[in-house]
Each structure stands twice: as C-alpha cells, then as structure tokens.
Amino acid sequence: MRTYIYVDGFNLYYRSLKNTPYKWLDLKVLFRYLLDPKHDIQAIKYFTARVSGKTDPNQPLRQETYLRAIQKLIPEISIYYGHFLSHVVSAPLARPTHNQRFADIIKTEEKGSDVNPAVHILNDCWLDKYDCAVIVSNDSFVKRIRKGVLTKSQLPDPIPGTSIYKPNTW
C-alpha cells in the first residue's frame, strides 16, 4: 500500500520527545514499527519552523543538526518550513494582587503547521500519490507513540558517511 506520512514536527516534539532522551528519532524506523508491514512508505513530509534560540542559543544548532541527519539518512523525507510570529498579548496573572491582575507577555506561535500539511495532503491525494495518508499531529492522536518504540527508533550516531553526531545534550 503506497503510504505518505505527514508529520507536524512541533506537535511530535512537544507530545512525545520533549524532556526525553528520544529526540534523535529515525522517523522511517518509527513508522515501520507503528504501521502494518503492508505499508510501503513512499514519502515522509516533515513540517517545522526554524527555532530562534532566544531562550537557548544552542537550540537552532541542535535543530539544524537533526534536520541534516534525517535528510542524509532517510531518502523519502522532505522538510517544509513554516515560520514564527511573536506579538504582545495581555494575560491574567496566576497570582493576581490587588494592584495587578494582568501582565503583557510575548506570545510566539508557529504558523504554517496546519495549512501546509493540509495543502500537501490534498494535492498528493488529487495527484493519486498514495493509497494511505498517515497524519502525525497533536490535534487528535489515534495511536500513541510509546517509549519502547521511540527507544528502538533512534538514528545511528554518527550518521553513516557523515560527520553528523547526535547533540551532546540530547
């Protein structure tokens, strides 16, 4: 069965990978574990945005290292970039005082992670590129990704034939 996989990278990260040792994730191996063997993975479309490094200056380097690694190791993968928008919003305080009930905060949102995959899913369907579309999103998980599968789905370190290594802090 011709299978295309559409991954919302930020939802995958925040739902299954953040604060774990499993960030060096081999997406193709992961989906081989999660899907029935009848699925022939023809494409993995990974949707993300470049992180800024405002809170962690090494975060963009780690992200870029990971993206380079999966591009080298997984020929079926394509990466599509959205972007971040930041703006000031007023939010209620967790512990309001008689003088202050709200504070201005900077809210950062990733844009493109919903629209970009939807456009690709529809276009690929219209072009008859797949028999099955797998959508990885935090919006509605039907199948949870368990730690055992994440453990068995790690990229090699280093990526063969390259000087790409798993970041030390991962």
C-alpha atoms as a PDB file:
ATOM      1  CA  MET A   1       0.000   0.000   0.000  1.00  0.00           C
ATOM      2  CA  ARG A   2       1.552   3.316  -1.106  1.00  0.00           C
ATOM      3  CA  THR A   3       1.827   5.373   2.074  1.00  0.00           C
ATOM      4  CA  TYR A   4       2.639   9.042   2.557  1.00  0.00           C
ATOM      5  CA  ILE A   5       3.340  10.308   6.065  1.00  0.00           C
ATOM      6  CA  TYR A   6       2.747  13.920   7.115  1.00  0.00           C
ATOM      7  CA  VAL A   7       4.481  14.950  10.347  1.00  0.00           C
ATOM      8  CA  ASP A   8       3.797  18.116  12.320  1.00  0.00           C
ATOM      9  CA  GLY A   9       7.298  18.341  13.782  1.00  0.00           C
ATOM     10  CA  PHE A  10       6.408  20.661  16.648  1.00  0.00           C
ATOM     11  CA  ASN A  11       3.442  18.592  17.766  1.00  0.00           C
ATOM     12  CA  LEU A  12       5.527  15.410  17.620  1.00  0.00           C
ATOM     13  CA  TYR A  13       8.289  17.101  19.612  1.00  0.00           C
ATOM     14  CA  TYR A  14       6.053  18.565  22.324  1.00  0.00           C
ATOM     15  CA  ARG A  15       3.825  15.486  22.620  1.00  0.00           C
ATOM     16  CA  SER A  16       6.404  12.691  22.537  1.00  0.00           C
ATOM     17  CA  LEU A  17      10.004  13.915  22.592  1.00  0.00           C
ATOM     18  CA  LYS A  18      10.494  16.988  24.787  1.00  0.00           C
ATOM     19  CA  ASN A  19      12.262  16.170  28.081  1.00  0.00           C
ATOM     20  CA  THR A  20      13.120  12.661  26.864  1.00  0.00           C
ATOM     21  CA  PRO A  21      16.316  11.050  25.526  1.00  0.00           C
ATOM     22  CA  TYR A  22      14.500  10.137  22.260  1.00  0.00           C
ATOM     23  CA  LYS A  23      14.997  13.335  20.220  1.00  0.00           C
ATOM     24  CA  TRP A  24      17.464  11.634  17.820  1.00  0.00           C
ATOM     25  CA  LEU A  25      14.482   9.947  16.206  1.00  0.00           C
ATOM     26  CA  ASP A  26      14.630   7.956  12.974  1.00  0.00           C
ATOM     27  CA  LEU A  27      11.193   8.717  11.561  1.00  0.00           C
ATOM     28  CA  LYS A  28      11.232   5.947   8.967  1.00  0.00           C
ATOM     29  CA  VAL A  29      12.103   3.279  11.542  1.00  0.00           C
ATOM     30  CA  LEU A  30       9.450   4.703  13.878  1.00  0.00           C
ATOM     31  CA  PHE A  31       6.728   4.357  11.255  1.00  0.00           C
ATOM     32  CA  ARG A  32       7.872   0.870  10.308  1.00  0.00           C
ATOM     33  CA  TYR A  33       7.176  -0.081  13.945  1.00  0.00           C
ATOM     34  CA  LEU A  34       3.869   1.775  14.097  1.00  0.00           C
ATOM     35  CA  LEU A  35       2.394   0.684  10.763  1.00  0.00           C
ATOM     36  CA  ASP A  36       1.402  -2.675   9.399  1.00  0.00           C
ATOM     37  CA  PRO A  37       4.035  -4.250   7.069  1.00  0.00           C
ATOM     38  CA  LYS A  38       1.703  -3.802   4.079  1.00  0.00           C
ATOM     39  CA  HIS A  39       2.523  -0.064   4.119  1.00  0.00           C
ATOM     40  CA  ASP A  40       5.164   0.951   1.575  1.00  0.00           C
ATOM     41  CA  ILE A  41       6.459   4.278   2.890  1.00  0.00           C
ATOM     42  CA  GLN A  42       6.993   6.353  -0.228  1.00  0.00           C
ATOM     43  CA  ALA A  43       7.277   9.803   1.338  1.00  0.00           C
ATOM     44  CA  ILE A  44       7.643  11.407   4.751  1.00  0.00           C
ATOM     45  CA  LYS A  45       6.787  15.098   4.714  1.00  0.00           C
ATOM     46  CA  TYR A  46       8.086  16.844   7.820  1.00  0.00           C
ATOM     47  CA  PHE A  47       6.647  20.275   8.665  1.00  0.00           C
ATOM     48  CA  THR A  48       8.515  22.558  11.058  1.00  0.00           C
ATOM     49  CA  ALA A  49       9.865  26.079  11.524  1.00  0.00           C
ATOM     50  CA  ARG A  50      13.340  27.207  12.435  1.00  0.00           C
ATOM     51  CA  VAL A  51      13.666  27.885  16.158  1.00  0.00           C
ATOM     52  CA  SER A  52      15.060  31.241  17.271  1.00  0.00           C
ATOM     53  CA  GLY A  53      17.364  30.388  20.162  1.00  0.00           C
ATOM     54  CA  LYS A  54      16.068  33.273  22.310  1.00  0.00           C
ATOM     55  CA  THR A  55      15.828  31.112  25.416  1.00  0.00           C
ATOM     56  CA  ASP A  56      18.537  28.596  24.436  1.00  0.00           C
ATOM     57  CA  PRO A  57      21.221  29.805  21.993  1.00  0.00           C
ATOM     58  CA  ASN A  58      22.168  26.202  21.086  1.00  0.00           C
ATOM     59  CA  GLN A  59      18.632  25.201  20.126  1.00  0.00           C
ATOM     60  CA  PRO A  60      18.927  26.277  16.438  1.00  0.00           C
ATOM     61  CA  LEU A  61      22.171  24.296  16.051  1.00  0.00           C
ATOM     62  CA  ARG A  62      20.609  21.159  17.550  1.00  0.00           C
ATOM     63  CA  GLN A  63      17.568  21.513  15.304  1.00  0.00           C
ATOM     64  CA  GLU A  64      19.712  22.047  12.200  1.00  0.00           C
ATOM     65  CA  THR A  65      21.874  19.026  13.119  1.00  0.00           C
ATOM     66  CA  TYR A  66      18.786  16.830  13.425  1.00  0.00           C
ATOM     67  CA  LEU A  67      17.278  18.072  10.155  1.00  0.00           C
ATOM     68  CA  ARG A  68      20.571  17.451   8.316  1.00  0.00           C
ATOM     69  CA  ALA A  69      20.773  13.966   9.842  1.00  0.00           C
ATOM     70  CA  ILE A  70      17.307  12.858   8.772  1.00  0.00           C
ATOM     71  CA  GLN A  71      17.815  14.297   5.282  1.00  0.00           C
ATOM     72  CA  LYS A  72      21.057  12.314   4.888  1.00  0.00           C
ATOM     73  CA  LEU A  73      19.682   9.046   6.268  1.00  0.00           C
ATOM     74  CA  ILE A  74      16.072   8.995   5.013  1.00  0.00           C
ATOM     75  CA  PRO A  75      15.781   9.471   1.236  1.00  0.00           C
ATOM     76  CA  GLU A  76      11.963   9.579   1.437  1.00  0.00           C
ATOM     77  CA  ILE A  77      11.944  12.676   3.663  1.00  0.00           C
ATOM     78  CA  SER A  78      11.169  16.241   2.608  1.00  0.00           C
ATOM     79  CA  ILE A  79      11.211  19.165   5.029  1.00  0.00           C
ATOM     80  CA  TYR A  80       8.816  22.095   4.738  1.00  0.00           C
ATOM     81  CA  TYR A  81       9.222  25.270   6.763  1.00  0.00           C
ATOM     82  CA  GLY A  82       6.633  27.495   8.334  1.00  0.00           C
ATOM     83  CA  HIS A  83       7.620  30.475  10.463  1.00  0.00           C
ATOM     84  CA  PHE A  84       7.125  32.009  13.890  1.00  0.00           C
ATOM     85  CA  LEU A  85       5.165  35.142  14.683  1.00  0.00           C
ATOM     86  CA  SER A  86       5.547  36.943  18.004  1.00  0.00           C
ATOM     87  CA  HIS A  87       3.257  39.590  19.417  1.00  0.00           C
ATOM     88  CA  VAL A  88       2.399  41.134  22.763  1.00  0.00           C
ATOM     89  CA  VAL A  89      -0.787  39.971  24.473  1.00  0.00           C
ATOM     90  CA  SER A  90      -2.290  40.680  27.865  1.00  0.00           C
ATOM     91  CA  ALA A  91      -2.705  37.586  30.033  1.00  0.00           C
ATOM     92  CA  PRO A  92      -4.181  37.060  33.513  1.00  0.00           C
ATOM     93  CA  LEU A  93      -1.703  36.507  36.329  1.00  0.00           C
ATOM     94  CA  ALA A  94      -1.678  33.179  38.142  1.00  0.00           C
ATOM     95  CA  ARG A  95      -1.465  35.052  41.446  1.00  0.00           C
ATOM     96  CA  PRO A  96      -3.154  38.419  40.961  1.00  0.00           C
ATOM     97  CA  THR A  97      -2.645  41.162  43.513  1.00  0.00           C
ATOM     98  CA  HIS A  98      -4.969  43.987  44.353  1.00  0.00           C
ATOM     99  CA  ASN A  99      -2.771  46.225  42.150  1.00  0.00           C
ATOM    100  CA  GLN A 100      -2.239  43.921  39.180  1.00  0.00           C
ATOM    101  CA  ARG A 101      -4.415  41.263  37.586  1.00  0.00           C
ATOM    102  CA  PHE A 102      -2.875  41.138  34.087  1.00  0.00           C
ATOM    103  CA  ALA A 103       0.590  41.286  32.526  1.00  0.00           C
ATOM    104  CA  ASP A 104       1.793  41.849  28.996  1.00  0.00           C
ATOM    105  CA  ILE A 105       3.615  38.808  27.617  1.00  0.00           C
ATOM    106  CA  ILE A 106       5.218  37.922  24.301  1.00  0.00           C
ATOM    107  CA  LYS A 107       3.272  35.135  22.646  1.00  0.00           C
ATOM    108  CA  THR A 108       5.076  33.189  19.917  1.00  0.00           C
ATOM    109  CA  GLU A 109       3.123  30.993  17.530  1.00  0.00           C
ATOM    110  CA  GLU A 110       4.305  28.718  14.766  1.00  0.00           C
ATOM    111  CA  LYS A 111       2.488  29.485  11.524  1.00  0.00           C
ATOM    112  CA  GLY A 112       2.091  27.109   8.616  1.00  0.00           C
ATOM    113  CA  SER A 113       1.993  23.840  10.562  1.00  0.00           C
ATOM    114  CA  ASP A 114      -1.748  23.404   9.948  1.00  0.00           C
ATOM    115  CA  VAL A 115      -2.176  24.865   6.466  1.00  0.00           C
ATOM    116  CA  ASN A 116       0.989  23.467   4.841  1.00  0.00           C
ATOM    117  CA  PRO A 117       0.271  19.791   5.636  1.00  0.00           C
ATOM    118  CA  ALA A 118      -3.386  20.179   4.670  1.00  0.00           C
ATOM    119  CA  VAL A 119      -2.417  21.568   1.253  1.00  0.00           C
ATOM    120  CA  HIS A 120       0.111  18.757   0.722  1.00  0.00           C
ATOM    121  CA  ILE A 121      -2.364  16.061   1.777  1.00  0.00           C
ATOM    122  CA  LEU A 122      -4.982  17.357  -0.649  1.00  0.00           C
ATOM    123  CA  ASN A 123      -2.557  17.891  -3.534  1.00  0.00           C
ATOM    124  CA  ASP A 124      -0.958  14.466  -3.101  1.00  0.00           C
ATOM    125  CA  CYS A 125      -4.398  12.848  -2.960  1.00  0.00           C
ATOM    126  CA  TRP A 126      -5.547  14.679  -6.080  1.00  0.00           C
ATOM    127  CA  LEU A 127      -2.362  13.558  -7.847  1.00  0.00           C
ATOM    128  CA  ASP A 128      -3.024   9.943  -6.715  1.00  0.00           C
ATOM    129  CA  LYS A 129       0.335   9.647  -4.949  1.00  0.00           C
ATOM    130  CA  TYR A 130      -0.853   7.490  -2.051  1.00  0.00           C
ATOM    131  CA  ASP A 131      -3.308   4.835  -1.009  1.00  0.00           C
ATOM    132  CA  CYS A 132      -2.927   5.716   2.660  1.00  0.00           C
ATOM    133  CA  ALA A 133      -2.086   9.023   4.331  1.00  0.00           C
ATOM    134  CA  VAL A 134      -0.735   8.972   7.884  1.00  0.00           C
ATOM    135  CA  ILE A 135      -1.020  12.260   9.751  1.00  0.00           C
ATOM    136  CA  VAL A 136       1.109  12.839  12.864  1.00  0.00           C
ATOM    137  CA  SER A 137      -0.301  15.700  14.873  1.00  0.00           C
ATOM    138  CA  ASN A 138      -1.173  16.565  18.445  1.00  0.00           C
ATOM    139  CA  ASP A 139      -4.594  17.719  17.308  1.00  0.00           C
ATOM    140  CA  SER A 140      -6.044  14.197  17.515  1.00  0.00           C
ATOM    141  CA  PHE A 141      -3.743  11.267  18.261  1.00  0.00           C
ATOM    142  CA  VAL A 142      -5.383   7.969  17.451  1.00  0.00           C
ATOM    143  CA  LYS A 143      -2.305   5.902  18.206  1.00  0.00           C
ATOM    144  CA  ARG A 144       0.076   6.866  20.996  1.00  0.00           C
ATOM    145  CA  ILE A 145       3.813   6.588  20.421  1.00  0.00           C
ATOM    146  CA  ARG A 146       5.240   4.585  23.311  1.00  0.00           C
ATOM    147  CA  LYS A 147       8.723   4.832  24.839  1.00  0.00           C
ATOM    148  CA  GLY A 148       9.721   1.330  23.714  1.00  0.00           C
ATOM    149  CA  VAL A 149       9.109   2.239  20.070  1.00  0.00           C
ATOM    150  CA  LEU A 150      10.938   5.557  20.496  1.00  0.00           C
ATOM    151  CA  THR A 151      13.895   3.711  22.043  1.00  0.00           C
ATOM    152  CA  LYS A 152      14.109   1.324  19.060  1.00  0.00           C
ATOM    153  CA  SER A 153      13.694   4.170  16.544  1.00  0.00           C
ATOM    154  CA  GLN A 154      16.824   6.231  17.161  1.00  0.00           C
ATOM    155  CA  LEU A 155      19.122   7.419  14.377  1.00  0.00           C
ATOM    156  CA  PRO A 156      22.639   5.961  14.218  1.00  0.00           C
ATOM    157  CA  ASP A 157      25.241   8.140  15.941  1.00  0.00           C
ATOM    158  CA  PRO A 158      27.048   9.331  13.903  1.00  0.00           C
ATOM    159  CA  ILE A 159      25.021   9.274  10.691  1.00  0.00           C
ATOM    160  CA  PRO A 160      26.935   6.837   8.417  1.00  0.00           C
ATOM    161  CA  GLY A 161      29.250   8.503   5.912  1.00  0.00           C
ATOM    162  CA  THR A 162      28.948  11.934   7.558  1.00  0.00           C
ATOM    163  CA  SER A 163      30.290  13.910  10.481  1.00  0.00           C
ATOM    164  CA  ILE A 164      26.766  14.454  11.840  1.00  0.00           C
ATOM    165  CA  TYR A 165      26.519  13.438  15.505  1.00  0.00           C
ATOM    166  CA  LYS A 166      23.690  13.459  18.000  1.00  0.00           C
ATOM    167  CA  PRO A 167      23.878  16.683  20.054  1.00  0.00           C
ATOM    168  CA  ASN A 168      25.514  16.015  23.443  1.00  0.00           C
ATOM    169  CA  THR A 169      22.597  17.434  25.425  1.00  0.00           C
ATOM    170  CA  TRP A 170      20.142  15.012  23.800  1.00  0.00           C
END
